[in-house]
Protein backbone atom coordinates (compact mmCIF):
# COMPACT_ATOMS: atom_id res chain seq x y z
CA UNK A 1 40.32 37.04 -22.90
CA UNK A 2 36.77 36.97 -21.53
CA UNK A 3 36.29 40.52 -22.80
CA UNK A 4 37.36 39.50 -26.31
CA UNK A 5 34.95 36.57 -26.26
CA UNK A 6 32.14 38.89 -25.13
CA UNK A 7 32.96 41.33 -27.93
CA UNK A 8 32.93 38.51 -30.49
CA UNK A 9 29.51 37.33 -29.27
CA UNK A 10 28.06 40.84 -29.36
CA UNK A 11 29.50 41.43 -32.83
CA UNK A 12 28.04 38.18 -34.13
CA UNK A 13 24.63 39.16 -32.77
CA UNK A 14 24.81 42.58 -34.44
CA UNK A 15 25.75 41.03 -37.78
CA UNK A 16 23.13 38.28 -37.64
CA UNK A 17 20.33 40.64 -36.66
CA UNK A 18 21.23 43.58 -38.93
CA UNK A 19 21.92 45.53 -35.77
CA UNK A 20 23.54 48.86 -35.03
CA UNK A 21 26.56 49.27 -37.30
CA UNK A 22 27.90 52.09 -35.11
CA UNK A 23 27.92 49.73 -32.13
CA UNK A 24 29.84 47.21 -34.23
CA UNK A 25 32.45 49.89 -34.94
CA UNK A 26 32.71 50.66 -31.24
CA UNK A 27 33.22 46.97 -30.47
CA UNK A 28 35.95 46.81 -33.13
CA UNK A 29 37.72 49.74 -31.49
CA UNK A 30 37.47 48.19 -28.02
CA UNK A 31 38.77 44.86 -29.32
CA UNK A 32 41.69 46.56 -31.00
CA UNK A 33 42.57 48.30 -27.74
CA UNK A 34 42.64 44.94 -25.99
CA UNK A 35 44.85 43.48 -28.73
CA UNK A 36 47.24 46.41 -28.42
CA UNK A 37 47.30 45.95 -24.64
CA UNK A 38 48.52 42.36 -24.99
CA UNK A 39 51.18 43.44 -27.48
CA UNK A 40 50.09 41.89 -30.78
CA UNK A 41 50.03 45.13 -32.77
CA UNK A 42 52.86 47.09 -34.34
CA UNK A 43 53.55 50.81 -34.55
CA UNK A 44 52.70 50.77 -38.26
CA UNK A 45 49.39 48.99 -37.73
CA UNK A 46 48.47 51.33 -34.89
CA UNK A 47 49.09 54.30 -37.17
CA UNK A 48 46.85 52.83 -39.88
CA UNK A 49 44.07 52.11 -37.37
CA UNK A 50 44.32 55.65 -35.99
CA UNK A 51 44.35 57.20 -39.48
CA UNK A 52 41.24 55.21 -40.39
CA UNK A 53 39.38 56.34 -37.31
CA UNK A 54 40.20 60.04 -37.58
CA UNK A 55 39.18 60.03 -41.25
CA UNK A 56 35.71 58.73 -40.48
CA UNK A 57 35.78 54.96 -39.97
CA UNK A 58 33.23 53.75 -37.43
CA UNK A 59 35.76 51.18 -36.27
CA UNK A 60 39.19 49.87 -37.19
CA UNK A 61 41.29 47.01 -35.85
CA UNK A 62 44.14 44.69 -36.60
CA UNK A 63 43.31 41.24 -37.91
CA UNK A 64 44.98 37.87 -38.15
CA UNK A 65 47.68 36.97 -35.66
CA UNK A 66 48.80 40.58 -35.38
CA UNK A 67 52.23 41.81 -36.24
CA UNK A 68 51.68 40.74 -39.84
CA UNK A 69 50.61 44.03 -41.28
CA UNK A 70 46.85 43.62 -41.75
CA UNK A 71 44.00 45.71 -40.41
CA UNK A 72 40.50 46.55 -41.51
CA UNK A 73 38.17 49.48 -41.11
CA UNK A 74 34.40 49.77 -41.08
CA UNK A 75 33.63 52.88 -43.10
CA UNK A 76 30.26 52.55 -44.85
CA UNK A 77 30.00 56.22 -45.81
CA UNK A 78 33.65 57.28 -45.76
CA UNK A 79 35.43 54.78 -48.01
CA UNK A 80 37.39 57.32 -50.05
CA UNK A 81 38.42 59.35 -47.01
CA UNK A 82 39.61 56.25 -45.17
CA UNK A 83 41.44 54.88 -48.23
CA UNK A 84 43.24 58.21 -48.63
CA UNK A 85 44.17 58.30 -44.94
CA UNK A 86 45.54 54.76 -45.11
CA UNK A 87 47.66 55.66 -48.15
CA UNK A 88 49.01 58.78 -46.45
CA UNK A 89 49.87 56.69 -43.37
CA UNK A 90 51.86 54.29 -45.57
CA UNK A 91 49.34 51.51 -46.07
CA UNK A 92 47.85 49.92 -49.16
CA UNK A 93 44.05 50.02 -48.95
CA UNK A 94 41.98 47.23 -50.47
CA UNK A 95 38.24 47.84 -50.66
CA UNK A 96 36.06 44.81 -49.92
CA UNK A 97 32.37 44.05 -49.69
CA UNK A 98 30.45 41.65 -47.51
CA UNK A 99 28.37 38.79 -48.81
CA UNK A 100 26.15 36.12 -47.35
CA UNK A 101 27.12 33.62 -50.05
CA UNK A 102 29.78 31.74 -48.09
CA UNK A 103 32.45 29.42 -49.46
CA UNK A 104 32.08 27.98 -52.94
CA UNK A 105 34.15 25.85 -55.31
CA UNK A 106 34.86 27.33 -58.72
CA UNK A 107 35.88 25.17 -61.66
CA UNK A 108 37.60 26.67 -64.67
């Protein structure tokens, strides 16, 4: 668990300082390996993570509590390739973007 905490701290630093995105991908991959080692992944999620990586993602990992069918990939220059690989592997890709806006309340 100490390793996961260290990865989270390093990732936060990279994101807050506009650091090396490739290093962030590497940290994602290491974290995912640790999560798989403690048994919170599934065969299907592992296949999606692998497909993302071999198609060009800098990093890919499961998210949430694990076992629930969600993962994400960091693919700044390979979105289409990674989306296609996820589809072929049986997943449903959803493209997202980051923002620094934070939480907001919307009234309709």
